[in-house]
Amino acid sequence: MKFININKTWLPGLVLFASLFGACKKDNAVGSLQPSRAFIPTGLNTTTAGTTVKIDWKASLFSGGTGVNYTLEVSKNAAFTTIDYIKTTDAVTLTLTDDNIQVGQPYYARVKANSTATLPGSNGYVVTSSSFTMPGILQTVTSADLTSKTVTLRWLTTPDVTKITITPLAGGAAFDVALSPADVTATNKLVTGLTGDASYRADIYSGTRIKGFTTFKTPLFTKEITSADNLIDVINNASNGDIIGLADGTYDVKDITAAYANITIQQKNIGLQGKSGDASKVIINFKQIDIKGTGAGFSAKDITFDGTAGAAQYFLNLIGNASDAENATFTNINIDGCVVSNVVNAFLRGNRATNTNGFVIGNININNTLAFNINKSATAGFNTIELSKVQFAQLNITNSTFYEFGRNFIVATTVLNTGTPIPSITIDKCTFNSFGGGTNTFVFADANANAIKVAVTNSIIANSPRAATIISGLFRGTGVGSSFTFTNNNTFALLTQTTVGSPLPLSNSATTVTTAAITNTDLGWVQATTNFALPAGSALRTASTTGGAIGDPRWAK
């Protein structure tokens, strides 16, 4: 009896457990799950082509047969504070055109599932991970369609395009290029007037609607050459504004007789630049560079110019077109990162004009340049930079070294016509050693009675005169409006004559020089010194107006 009573006691619990187990099994039968709302769609993708963008996504989970549809929104900003396009669809893909959104404008897209008769909509959106841009009809620019000054733009066949707008990406004025019916048929247009080594954006329009855009960068060089090319022929065939890239090598400037000959840059502005950026690897053995006639100008960068083999008389020689003395208005001269050596007479000769103010030029810039053995014997009649009779705006010499040169460094002694703007000479962070001689007595900058403004800062000037002579000072300039400043410079071994000389004054009594922070630290350089490195720990390494080193920066590394 006891055994039977125990079984009767547990029987109700077993029945209850069985009923609960059965209920759970029935509720979890396959296919019976019903979501409380539509799931967020996933996998939002965009595919752009021409003037279309295809946007597709994956359908919401368990949405089959529920009648769910979707709302797509497109906005210019990732926060979707404004909606630029909205569309409701029961498909999982949409294709937009430039009728719906703008070509060339970055957009973001998002999509959500809408409510149905039995389900609320999804709680949120799926959003593109990054922006997309409809590229339009303009094609990517290839290198074959680019020069340093032009681009050929190509586009997909479109009958109603009217113009192209070119915008410099670094700033500057945009300009329009009209498209003729012939251009529209050809589906391409040559655009001129560009600048080398510059980035641009091009937009093609149909009326006021952008139909396509592209970006491109012009190459720096108009033409690239090797030492197998004849440099005289290359320059003669070059056009105004061309920049010629020189591969590493040695270029002998010879004519068809194999004799060294002058380079003539006639009534055009030409640039030469070493492609590697290392002047020691691009060497031009030259005789003379003539900058000839109105419109002529010259720039050089990262090149060594050696006048030894060609017995160079001048590095740069300003002359007229029909004759050396004919009046001319030149464009600028820019020498940067170069080495110029072994020239018999002058670095720059500009005194050949017949008339006062006969030669006119804007700026002459010499930067990061090493020049030596220029009129080393200090021959009478030739100065290193000769600008008499030249109406120039500015001569700027920066971060450069000149040594073993003569007679005077800069001369502009001819009194220019009344009303001529006063030219200015700026010399900053330069090193000068072993210079002066001949017959002129003011060896650094001499304007005599001509008006001139000279500022020399953060420089080292040493060892003058180099040839036997008696000199009176560094500066002379008595013209009305002249000014001379000489600050944060170091001088030593500047004497009135090579033997038994007294310290050289800055100027004579008629020329006033404003001075400040001048030192006279003797660095031990002599006339034959070629290495001008500042000693470690030298006070001159912190003596500049900015607290850094004075002299050419290459010697303070």
Protein backbone atom coordinates (compact mmCIF):
# COMPACT_ATOMS: atom_id res chain seq x y z
CA MET A 1 0.00 0.00 0.00
CA LYS A 2 2.77 2.39 0.82
CA PHE A 3 4.39 1.90 -2.61
CA ILE A 4 1.09 2.63 -4.36
CA ASN A 5 0.55 5.77 -2.31
CA ILE A 6 3.98 7.16 -3.30
CA ASN A 7 3.20 6.76 -7.04
CA LYS A 8 -0.09 8.51 -6.57
CA THR A 9 1.71 11.45 -4.95
CA TRP A 10 4.01 12.12 -8.06
CA LEU A 11 1.44 11.45 -10.75
CA PRO A 12 0.00 14.99 -11.01
CA GLY A 13 3.52 16.50 -11.42
CA LEU A 14 4.37 14.13 -14.25
CA VAL A 15 1.18 14.99 -16.08
CA LEU A 16 1.89 18.74 -15.74
CA PHE A 17 5.49 18.33 -17.06
CA ALA A 18 4.29 16.38 -20.08
CA SER A 19 1.72 19.00 -20.95
CA LEU A 20 4.27 21.84 -20.72
CA PHE A 21 6.79 19.97 -22.89
CA GLY A 22 4.16 19.36 -25.52
CA ALA A 23 3.16 23.03 -25.56
CA CYS A 24 6.78 24.22 -26.13
CA LYS A 25 7.34 21.81 -28.98
CA LYS A 26 4.21 22.98 -30.79
CA ASP A 27 5.02 26.75 -30.50
CA ASN A 28 8.50 26.32 -32.10
CA ALA A 29 7.43 24.46 -35.21
CA VAL A 30 9.50 25.38 -38.35
CA GLY A 31 8.01 28.27 -40.42
CA SER A 32 5.87 29.63 -37.64
CA LEU A 33 8.12 32.71 -36.74
CA GLN A 34 6.33 36.03 -37.20
CA PRO A 35 8.57 39.23 -36.83
CA SER A 36 7.16 42.13 -34.87
CA ARG A 37 8.20 44.61 -37.64
CA ALA A 38 10.01 44.67 -40.98
CA PHE A 39 13.77 44.09 -40.77
CA ILE A 40 16.19 46.81 -41.92
CA PRO A 41 17.39 46.06 -45.48
CA THR A 42 21.15 45.34 -45.84
CA GLY A 43 23.99 45.56 -48.35
CA LEU A 44 23.38 49.03 -49.84
CA ASN A 45 25.64 49.49 -52.91
CA THR A 46 26.11 52.16 -55.56
CA THR A 47 27.51 51.75 -59.08
CA THR A 48 28.20 54.91 -61.10
CA ALA A 49 28.59 55.18 -64.87
CA GLY A 50 28.27 58.26 -67.06
CA THR A 51 25.14 60.16 -66.09
CA THR A 52 23.62 57.26 -64.13
CA VAL A 53 24.03 55.64 -60.74
CA LYS A 54 22.56 52.24 -59.88
CA ILE A 55 21.61 51.80 -56.20
CA ASP A 56 20.70 48.33 -54.95
CA TRP A 57 20.18 46.58 -51.62
CA LYS A 58 19.13 43.24 -50.18
CA ALA A 59 15.47 42.68 -49.33
CA SER A 60 14.42 42.69 -45.68
CA LEU A 61 14.56 39.29 -44.03
CA PHE A 62 11.26 37.34 -43.98
CA SER A 63 9.65 39.97 -46.22
CA GLY A 64 8.56 37.60 -48.98
CA GLY A 65 4.81 37.83 -49.56
CA THR A 66 4.30 40.57 -46.97
CA GLY A 67 3.94 43.38 -49.52
CA VAL A 68 6.82 45.36 -48.03
CA ASN A 69 8.22 48.28 -50.05
CA TYR A 70 11.15 50.64 -49.49
CA THR A 71 11.94 54.36 -49.30
CA LEU A 72 15.27 55.50 -50.77
CA GLU A 73 16.64 58.90 -49.76
CA VAL A 74 19.67 60.72 -51.24
CA SER A 75 21.42 63.65 -49.55
CA LYS A 76 24.50 65.79 -50.05
CA ASN A 77 25.48 65.29 -46.40
CA ALA A 78 25.99 62.18 -44.32
CA ALA A 79 23.62 63.44 -41.61
CA PHE A 80 20.71 63.64 -44.10
CA THR A 81 19.64 67.01 -42.71
CA THR A 82 18.31 67.80 -46.17
CA ILE A 83 16.95 65.28 -48.66
CA ASP A 84 17.81 65.93 -52.32
CA TYR A 85 15.96 62.93 -53.78
CA ILE A 86 13.36 60.53 -52.36
CA LYS A 87 11.66 57.53 -53.97
CA THR A 88 9.36 54.72 -52.74
CA THR A 89 9.61 51.40 -54.59
CA ASP A 90 8.75 47.72 -54.14
CA ALA A 91 11.95 46.79 -56.05
CA VAL A 92 15.41 46.38 -54.46
CA THR A 93 17.20 48.52 -57.04
CA LEU A 94 16.86 52.00 -58.55
CA THR A 95 18.77 53.76 -61.32
CA LEU A 96 19.10 57.54 -61.01
CA THR A 97 20.16 59.92 -63.79
CA ASP A 98 21.28 63.55 -63.98
CA ASP A 99 17.57 64.39 -64.08
CA ASN A 100 17.41 63.24 -60.45
CA ILE A 101 20.74 64.36 -58.96
CA GLN A 102 23.70 66.50 -60.04
CA VAL A 103 26.73 65.21 -61.89
CA GLY A 104 29.95 65.84 -60.00
CA GLN A 105 28.25 66.28 -56.62
CA PRO A 106 29.08 63.80 -53.82
CA TYR A 107 25.96 62.17 -52.32
CA TYR A 108 25.01 59.67 -49.62
CA ALA A 109 22.11 57.19 -49.90
CA ARG A 110 19.99 55.39 -47.32
CA VAL A 111 17.01 53.00 -47.53
CA LYS A 112 14.44 51.67 -45.09
CA ALA A 113 11.57 49.16 -45.21
CA ASN A 114 8.11 50.73 -44.99
CA SER A 115 5.17 49.43 -42.96
CA THR A 116 2.68 46.99 -44.45
CA ALA A 117 -0.95 46.18 -43.60
CA THR A 118 0.27 43.82 -40.89
CA LEU A 119 3.77 45.04 -39.91
CA PRO A 120 5.28 48.35 -38.83
CA GLY A 121 8.27 49.61 -40.91
CA SER A 122 11.91 48.95 -40.03
CA ASN A 123 13.38 50.72 -37.03
CA GLY A 124 16.10 52.44 -39.09
CA TYR A 125 17.96 52.78 -42.37
CA VAL A 126 20.89 51.10 -44.01
CA VAL A 127 23.27 53.86 -45.19
CA THR A 128 26.08 53.94 -47.75
CA SER A 129 29.45 53.72 -46.01
CA SER A 130 30.90 56.52 -48.16
CA SER A 131 29.71 59.11 -50.64
CA PHE A 132 29.27 58.45 -54.34
CA THR A 133 29.53 60.83 -57.27
CA MET A 134 27.97 60.54 -60.70
CA PRO A 135 30.95 61.14 -63.04
CA GLY A 136 29.01 62.18 -66.10
CA ILE A 137 30.09 62.06 -69.73
CA LEU A 138 33.64 63.44 -69.50
CA GLN A 139 36.27 60.71 -69.79
CA THR A 140 39.39 60.31 -67.63
CA VAL A 141 42.27 62.32 -69.11
CA THR A 142 45.22 60.21 -70.26
CA SER A 143 48.85 61.35 -70.39
CA ALA A 144 48.67 61.25 -74.20
CA ASP A 145 46.11 64.08 -74.07
CA LEU A 146 48.19 66.33 -71.79
CA THR A 147 51.01 68.78 -72.31
CA SER A 148 52.29 71.33 -69.82
CA LYS A 149 49.99 73.95 -71.38
CA THR A 150 47.10 72.05 -73.03
CA VAL A 151 44.61 69.24 -72.49
CA THR A 152 42.37 67.39 -74.92
CA LEU A 153 39.06 66.59 -73.22
CA ARG A 154 36.89 63.75 -74.52
CA TRP A 155 33.31 62.78 -73.68
CA LEU A 156 30.57 60.28 -74.45
CA THR A 157 28.34 61.16 -77.37
CA THR A 158 25.86 63.77 -76.17
CA PRO A 159 24.11 66.09 -78.64
CA ASP A 160 23.30 69.06 -76.41
CA VAL A 161 26.57 70.01 -74.65
CA THR A 162 27.43 73.71 -74.94
CA LYS A 163 30.58 74.59 -72.98
CA ILE A 164 33.38 73.40 -70.72
CA THR A 165 34.48 75.28 -67.60
CA ILE A 166 38.11 74.93 -66.46
CA THR A 167 38.84 75.66 -62.78
CA PRO A 168 42.38 75.75 -61.29
CA LEU A 169 42.25 73.67 -58.10
CA ALA A 170 44.97 75.68 -56.36
CA GLY A 171 43.00 78.90 -56.78
CA GLY A 172 42.70 81.39 -59.59
CA ALA A 173 40.09 82.41 -62.10
CA ALA A 174 38.00 79.76 -63.87
CA PHE A 175 37.33 80.19 -67.57
CA ASP A 176 34.81 78.87 -70.11
CA VAL A 177 35.51 77.14 -73.41
CA ALA A 178 32.60 77.27 -75.87
CA LEU A 179 31.76 74.10 -77.82
CA SER A 180 30.96 74.46 -81.51
CA PRO A 181 28.73 72.00 -83.41
CA ALA A 182 31.91 70.50 -84.84
CA ASP A 183 33.27 69.96 -81.32
CA VAL A 184 30.03 68.28 -80.24
CA THR A 185 30.19 65.94 -83.22
CA ALA A 186 33.85 65.16 -82.62
CA THR A 187 33.20 64.57 -78.89
CA ASN A 188 36.55 66.17 -77.97
CA LYS A 189 38.04 69.64 -77.47
CA LEU A 190 41.61 70.96 -77.20
CA VAL A 191 41.89 73.43 -74.30
CA THR A 192 44.88 75.81 -74.28
CA GLY A 193 46.22 78.44 -71.90
CA LEU A 194 47.05 76.09 -69.02
CA THR A 195 50.07 76.19 -66.69
CA GLY A 196 52.57 73.39 -66.24
CA ASP A 197 52.56 71.33 -63.03
CA ALA A 198 49.06 72.51 -62.06
CA SER A 199 45.84 70.68 -61.15
CA TYR A 200 42.50 71.51 -62.78
CA ARG A 201 38.84 70.47 -62.77
CA ALA A 202 36.83 70.43 -65.99
CA ASP A 203 32.99 70.56 -66.05
CA ILE A 204 31.00 70.07 -69.25
CA TYR A 205 27.55 71.68 -69.47
CA SER A 206 24.32 71.41 -71.35
CA GLY A 207 22.95 74.89 -70.80
CA THR A 208 23.16 75.33 -67.03
CA ARG A 209 23.22 71.61 -66.19
CA ILE A 210 26.53 69.87 -65.55
CA LYS A 211 26.76 66.73 -67.70
CA GLY A 212 30.20 65.57 -66.63
CA PHE A 213 33.39 66.41 -64.79
CA THR A 214 36.96 65.24 -64.50
CA THR A 215 40.19 66.36 -62.87
CA PHE A 216 43.71 66.32 -64.27
CA LYS A 217 47.21 67.67 -63.63
CA THR A 218 49.43 69.11 -66.33
CA PRO A 219 53.02 67.86 -66.50
CA LEU A 220 55.78 70.28 -65.59
CA PHE A 221 57.82 69.77 -68.73
CA THR A 222 56.82 70.73 -72.23
CA LYS A 223 59.54 68.50 -73.62
CA GLU A 224 61.91 66.00 -72.04
CA ILE A 225 65.36 65.39 -73.51
CA THR A 226 68.54 63.40 -72.92
CA SER A 227 72.18 64.25 -73.51
CA ALA A 228 71.84 62.67 -76.96
CA ASP A 229 69.74 65.68 -78.03
CA ASN A 230 71.34 68.87 -79.31
CA LEU A 231 70.46 71.56 -76.79
CA ILE A 232 70.82 74.37 -79.33
CA ASP A 233 68.29 72.75 -81.64
CA VAL A 234 65.92 71.99 -78.78
CA ILE A 235 65.91 75.61 -77.62
CA ASN A 236 65.65 77.03 -81.14
CA ASN A 237 62.57 74.86 -81.76
CA ALA A 238 60.96 75.58 -78.39
CA SER A 239 57.96 77.87 -78.00
CA ASN A 240 57.47 80.75 -75.60
CA GLY A 241 56.85 79.46 -72.09
CA ASP A 242 58.25 75.98 -72.67
CA ILE A 243 59.98 74.22 -69.78
CA ILE A 244 62.42 71.59 -70.97
CA GLY A 245 63.24 68.68 -68.66
CA LEU A 246 66.81 67.38 -68.85
CA ALA A 247 67.61 63.79 -67.93
CA ASP A 248 70.81 63.12 -66.02
CA GLY A 249 73.88 63.43 -68.22
CA THR A 250 76.42 65.83 -69.72
CA TYR A 251 75.25 68.21 -72.44
CA ASP A 252 77.92 69.79 -74.65
CA VAL A 253 76.50 72.91 -76.30
CA LYS A 254 77.96 72.56 -79.79
CA ASP A 255 76.84 73.54 -83.29
CA ILE A 256 76.96 71.42 -86.43
CA THR A 257 80.72 72.00 -86.73
CA ALA A 258 81.17 70.39 -83.31
CA ALA A 259 82.44 73.70 -81.91
CA TYR A 260 81.07 75.19 -78.71
CA ALA A 261 78.45 77.81 -79.59
CA ASN A 262 76.16 80.28 -77.86
CA ILE A 263 72.69 79.32 -76.72
CA THR A 264 70.35 82.02 -78.05
CA ILE A 265 66.95 82.52 -76.47
CA GLN A 266 65.36 84.94 -78.88
CA GLN A 267 62.17 86.86 -78.02
CA LYS A 268 60.72 84.02 -75.94
CA ASN A 269 60.90 82.81 -72.37
CA ILE A 270 62.44 79.34 -71.98
CA GLY A 271 63.09 77.22 -68.91
CA LEU A 272 65.60 74.40 -68.42
CA GLN A 273 65.25 72.05 -65.45
CA GLY A 274 67.07 68.94 -64.34
CA LYS A 275 64.51 66.17 -63.97
CA SER A 276 66.28 64.42 -61.10
CA GLY A 277 66.49 67.54 -58.93
CA ASP A 278 70.23 66.97 -58.43
CA ALA A 279 72.35 69.65 -60.12
CA SER A 280 75.47 67.50 -59.93
CA LYS A 281 73.88 64.97 -62.29
CA VAL A 282 72.85 67.39 -65.05
CA ILE A 283 75.89 69.22 -66.48
CA ILE A 284 75.81 71.73 -69.32
CA ASN A 285 79.20 72.62 -70.80
CA PHE A 286 78.38 76.00 -72.30
CA LYS A 287 79.93 78.98 -74.07
CA GLN A 288 77.36 81.70 -73.41
CA ILE A 289 73.60 82.13 -73.00
CA ASP A 290 72.28 85.11 -74.98
CA ILE A 291 68.89 86.43 -73.86
CA LYS A 292 67.95 88.28 -76.99
CA GLY A 293 65.32 90.90 -77.73
CA THR A 294 61.97 91.96 -76.34
CA GLY A 295 60.10 89.10 -74.68
CA ALA A 296 63.21 87.04 -74.02
CA GLY A 297 63.61 85.49 -70.60
CA PHE A 298 65.24 82.50 -68.98
CA SER A 299 64.89 80.17 -66.01
CA ALA A 300 67.13 77.33 -64.89
CA LYS A 301 66.72 74.88 -62.04
CA ASP A 302 68.84 72.04 -60.67
CA ILE A 303 71.58 72.24 -63.34
CA THR A 304 75.37 72.66 -63.30
CA PHE A 305 76.63 75.16 -65.88
CA ASP A 306 80.37 74.80 -66.48
CA GLY A 307 82.09 77.30 -68.78
CA THR A 308 85.49 75.59 -68.84
CA ALA A 309 85.26 73.63 -72.10
CA GLY A 310 83.45 76.39 -73.95
CA ALA A 311 85.70 79.19 -72.65
CA ALA A 312 82.54 81.00 -71.54
CA GLN A 313 82.74 84.80 -71.59
CA TYR A 314 79.39 85.31 -69.85
CA PHE A 315 76.84 83.10 -68.19
CA LEU A 316 73.87 85.32 -69.12
CA ASN A 317 74.14 88.08 -71.70
CA LEU A 318 71.29 90.54 -72.33
CA ILE A 319 71.27 91.83 -75.90
CA GLY A 320 68.89 93.44 -78.37
CA ASN A 321 67.24 91.62 -81.23
CA ALA A 322 68.60 93.27 -84.39
CA SER A 323 71.85 94.25 -82.69
CA ASP A 324 73.40 93.81 -79.28
CA ALA A 325 72.69 97.44 -78.40
CA GLU A 326 69.09 97.63 -79.61
CA ASN A 327 66.60 98.52 -76.87
CA ALA A 328 64.61 95.59 -75.48
CA THR A 329 62.12 94.74 -72.74
CA PHE A 330 62.94 91.34 -71.28
CA THR A 331 60.88 89.00 -69.13
CA ASN A 332 62.16 87.71 -65.80
CA ILE A 333 65.30 85.69 -65.07
CA ASN A 334 65.16 82.91 -62.45
CA ILE A 335 68.15 80.79 -61.44
CA ASP A 336 67.38 78.23 -58.72
CA GLY A 337 69.35 75.31 -57.33
CA CYS A 338 72.13 75.68 -59.89
CA VAL A 339 75.94 75.67 -59.98
CA VAL A 340 77.60 78.21 -62.26
CA SER A 341 81.38 78.19 -62.64
CA ASN A 342 84.39 79.07 -64.75
CA VAL A 343 83.24 82.17 -66.60
CA VAL A 344 85.82 84.62 -67.90
CA ASN A 345 83.96 87.93 -67.54
CA ALA A 346 80.53 88.11 -65.89
CA PHE A 347 77.67 86.13 -64.38
CA LEU A 348 75.18 88.59 -65.96
CA ARG A 349 76.01 91.34 -68.43
CA GLY A 350 73.26 93.89 -69.10
CA ASN A 351 74.98 97.15 -70.02
CA ARG A 352 74.93 96.97 -73.80
CA ALA A 353 71.87 99.13 -74.53
CA THR A 354 72.53 102.28 -76.56
CA ASN A 355 70.17 104.42 -74.50
CA THR A 356 69.73 104.95 -70.79
CA ASN A 357 66.81 102.71 -69.73
CA GLY A 358 67.43 100.92 -73.03
CA PHE A 359 67.09 97.52 -71.39
CA VAL A 360 64.04 96.92 -69.18
CA ILE A 361 63.43 93.83 -67.04
CA GLY A 362 61.21 92.96 -64.11
CA ASN A 363 62.76 90.61 -61.57
CA ILE A 364 66.10 88.82 -61.53
CA ASN A 365 66.03 86.01 -58.95
CA ILE A 366 69.01 83.90 -57.89
CA ASN A 367 68.26 81.31 -55.20
CA ASN A 368 70.02 78.29 -53.73
CA THR A 369 72.84 78.71 -56.22
CA LEU A 370 76.60 78.18 -56.02
CA ALA A 371 78.69 80.45 -58.27
CA PHE A 372 82.48 80.59 -58.39
CA ASN A 373 85.42 81.48 -60.59
CA ILE A 374 83.54 84.32 -62.29
CA ASN A 375 86.08 86.87 -63.58
CA LYS A 376 88.45 85.39 -61.05
CA SER A 377 91.28 87.61 -62.26
CA ALA A 378 89.11 90.72 -61.63
CA THR A 379 89.64 91.94 -65.19
CA ALA A 380 89.01 95.66 -65.61
CA GLY A 381 85.77 96.48 -67.38
CA PHE A 382 83.72 93.50 -66.19
CA ASN A 383 81.61 93.14 -63.06
CA THR A 384 79.94 90.00 -61.75
CA ILE A 385 76.39 91.33 -62.17
CA GLU A 386 76.36 94.36 -64.49
CA LEU A 387 73.08 96.29 -64.65
CA SER A 388 74.12 99.75 -65.81
CA LYS A 389 71.56 101.23 -68.23
CA VAL A 390 69.12 98.53 -67.14
CA GLN A 391 65.75 99.54 -65.72
CA PHE A 392 65.10 96.62 -63.40
CA ALA A 393 62.49 96.23 -60.68
CA GLN A 394 64.18 93.78 -58.31
CA LEU A 395 67.38 91.79 -57.98
CA ASN A 396 66.88 89.09 -55.32
CA ILE A 397 69.78 86.87 -54.24
CA THR A 398 68.94 84.36 -51.52
CA ASN A 399 70.39 81.19 -49.97
CA SER A 400 73.38 81.32 -52.31
CA THR A 401 77.19 81.31 -52.30
CA PHE A 402 79.54 83.35 -54.49
CA TYR A 403 83.30 82.98 -54.19
CA GLU A 404 86.37 83.83 -56.22
CA PHE A 405 84.72 86.54 -58.29
CA GLY A 406 85.53 90.08 -59.38
CA ARG A 407 85.71 92.99 -59.90
CA ASN A 408 82.64 94.40 -58.20
CA PHE A 409 79.70 92.20 -57.33
CA ILE A 410 76.75 94.38 -58.44
CA VAL A 411 77.04 97.56 -60.51
CA ALA A 412 74.21 99.84 -61.69
CA THR A 413 75.93 103.19 -61.98
CA THR A 414 74.15 104.82 -64.94
CA VAL A 415 71.65 107.42 -63.72
CA LEU A 416 68.29 106.31 -65.11
CA ASN A 417 65.70 108.63 -66.61
CA THR A 418 63.67 110.90 -64.34
CA GLY A 419 60.58 109.13 -63.06
CA THR A 420 62.06 105.64 -63.28
CA PRO A 421 60.94 103.55 -60.27
CA ILE A 422 63.87 103.03 -57.90
CA PRO A 423 65.19 99.47 -58.32
CA SER A 424 65.73 97.32 -55.25
CA ILE A 425 68.41 94.77 -54.41
CA THR A 426 67.70 92.20 -51.69
CA ILE A 427 70.41 89.83 -50.47
CA ASP A 428 69.52 87.39 -47.69
CA LYS A 429 71.21 84.31 -46.22
CA CYS A 430 74.17 84.32 -48.58
CA THR A 431 77.89 83.61 -48.30
CA PHE A 432 80.52 85.68 -50.14
CA ASN A 433 84.26 85.08 -50.10
CA SER A 434 87.29 86.20 -52.09
CA PHE A 435 86.04 88.98 -54.35
CA GLY A 436 86.87 92.46 -55.58
CA GLY A 437 89.69 94.04 -57.50
CA GLY A 438 90.28 95.96 -60.71
CA THR A 439 89.66 99.68 -60.88
CA ASN A 440 86.26 100.21 -59.26
CA THR A 441 86.43 101.09 -55.60
CA PHE A 442 83.04 100.05 -54.14
CA VAL A 443 83.10 96.31 -54.46
CA PHE A 444 79.74 94.95 -53.28
CA ALA A 445 76.96 97.20 -54.61
CA ASP A 446 77.79 100.36 -56.54
CA ALA A 447 75.12 102.68 -57.94
CA ASN A 448 77.18 105.89 -57.82
CA ALA A 449 74.71 108.77 -58.38
CA ASN A 450 71.92 106.46 -59.54
CA ALA A 451 69.01 105.92 -57.13
CA ILE A 452 68.88 102.44 -55.63
CA LYS A 453 67.62 100.54 -52.57
CA VAL A 454 69.83 97.82 -51.12
CA ALA A 455 69.12 95.48 -48.19
CA VAL A 456 71.69 92.89 -47.09
CA THR A 457 70.70 90.62 -44.21
CA ASN A 458 71.77 87.35 -42.55
CA SER A 459 74.88 87.01 -44.71
CA ILE A 460 78.62 86.43 -44.39
CA ILE A 461 81.01 88.62 -46.41
CA ALA A 462 84.73 87.91 -46.27
CA ASN A 463 88.11 88.34 -47.94
CA SER A 464 88.08 91.38 -50.19
CA PRO A 465 89.86 92.50 -52.27
CA ARG A 466 91.08 89.32 -53.94
CA ALA A 467 93.25 91.13 -56.52
CA ALA A 468 95.73 93.93 -55.90
CA THR A 469 93.85 97.20 -55.76
CA ILE A 470 92.80 99.98 -53.44
CA ILE A 471 89.09 99.95 -52.57
CA SER A 472 86.97 102.44 -50.67
CA GLY A 473 84.00 100.50 -49.32
CA LEU A 474 81.25 97.96 -49.87
CA PHE A 475 78.46 100.34 -50.94
CA ARG A 476 77.92 103.51 -52.92
CA GLY A 477 74.64 105.15 -53.92
CA THR A 478 73.91 108.84 -53.71
CA GLY A 479 70.82 109.20 -55.91
CA VAL A 480 67.74 110.80 -54.41
CA GLY A 481 65.65 108.14 -52.67
CA SER A 482 68.51 105.68 -52.23
CA SER A 483 68.70 103.57 -49.08
CA PHE A 484 71.12 100.97 -47.77
CA THR A 485 70.53 98.58 -44.86
CA PHE A 486 73.07 96.10 -43.53
CA THR A 487 71.82 93.98 -40.63
CA ASN A 488 72.62 90.65 -38.95
CA ASN A 489 75.72 90.11 -41.07
CA ASN A 490 79.21 88.85 -40.28
CA THR A 491 82.25 90.36 -41.99
CA PHE A 492 85.96 89.69 -41.73
CA ALA A 493 89.14 90.17 -43.76
CA LEU A 494 87.64 93.17 -45.58
CA LEU A 495 90.48 95.59 -46.22
CA THR A 496 91.18 98.76 -48.16
CA GLN A 497 93.88 96.91 -50.12
CA THR A 498 95.33 93.43 -50.37
CA THR A 499 98.52 94.22 -48.48
CA VAL A 500 98.91 96.46 -45.44
CA GLY A 501 95.23 97.34 -45.69
CA SER A 502 93.12 98.93 -42.99
CA PRO A 503 89.60 97.70 -42.23
CA LEU A 504 87.24 98.43 -45.10
CA PRO A 505 84.39 100.86 -44.33
CA LEU A 506 80.87 100.04 -45.48
CA SER A 507 80.64 103.17 -47.60
CA ASN A 508 81.99 106.65 -48.21
CA SER A 509 80.73 109.70 -46.37
CA ALA A 510 78.13 110.50 -49.06
CA THR A 511 76.32 107.16 -48.69
CA THR A 512 74.43 106.38 -45.50
CA VAL A 513 74.09 102.75 -44.48
CA THR A 514 71.70 101.72 -41.70
CA THR A 515 73.33 98.98 -39.66
CA ALA A 516 72.42 96.61 -36.84
CA ALA A 517 73.74 93.37 -35.31
CA ILE A 518 77.00 93.29 -37.28
CA THR A 519 79.65 90.83 -36.10
CA ASN A 520 83.28 90.37 -37.18
CA THR A 521 83.93 86.75 -36.32
CA ASP A 522 86.97 85.48 -38.23
CA LEU A 523 86.09 82.00 -39.50
CA GLY A 524 89.59 81.34 -40.77
CA TRP A 525 88.67 81.48 -44.43
CA VAL A 526 91.32 82.63 -46.91
CA GLN A 527 91.13 83.54 -50.59
CA ALA A 528 91.40 79.88 -51.62
CA THR A 529 88.73 78.53 -49.23
CA THR A 530 85.94 76.57 -50.91
CA ASN A 531 84.28 74.90 -47.91
CA PHE A 532 82.34 77.45 -45.86
CA ALA A 533 80.77 75.15 -43.25
CA LEU A 534 80.05 76.93 -39.98
CA PRO A 535 81.82 75.39 -36.99
CA ALA A 536 79.62 73.43 -34.62
CA GLY A 537 78.60 75.63 -31.74
CA SER A 538 79.41 78.85 -33.59
CA ALA A 539 77.41 81.87 -32.44
CA LEU A 540 76.75 82.55 -36.12
CA ARG A 541 74.44 79.53 -36.15
CA THR A 542 71.90 81.55 -34.15
CA ALA A 543 72.68 85.07 -35.35
CA SER A 544 70.01 85.60 -38.01
CA THR A 545 66.92 87.75 -37.73
CA THR A 546 64.91 84.56 -37.18
CA GLY A 547 67.30 83.01 -34.66
CA GLY A 548 68.87 80.57 -37.12
CA ALA A 549 72.20 80.54 -38.91
CA ILE A 550 73.48 83.34 -41.10
CA GLY A 551 75.06 82.71 -44.49
CA ASP A 552 74.00 80.25 -47.16
CA PRO A 553 71.95 77.54 -45.35
CA ARG A 554 73.86 74.77 -47.13
CA TRP A 555 76.86 75.49 -44.89
CA ALA A 556 74.93 75.18 -41.61
CA LYS A 557 73.67 71.63 -42.05
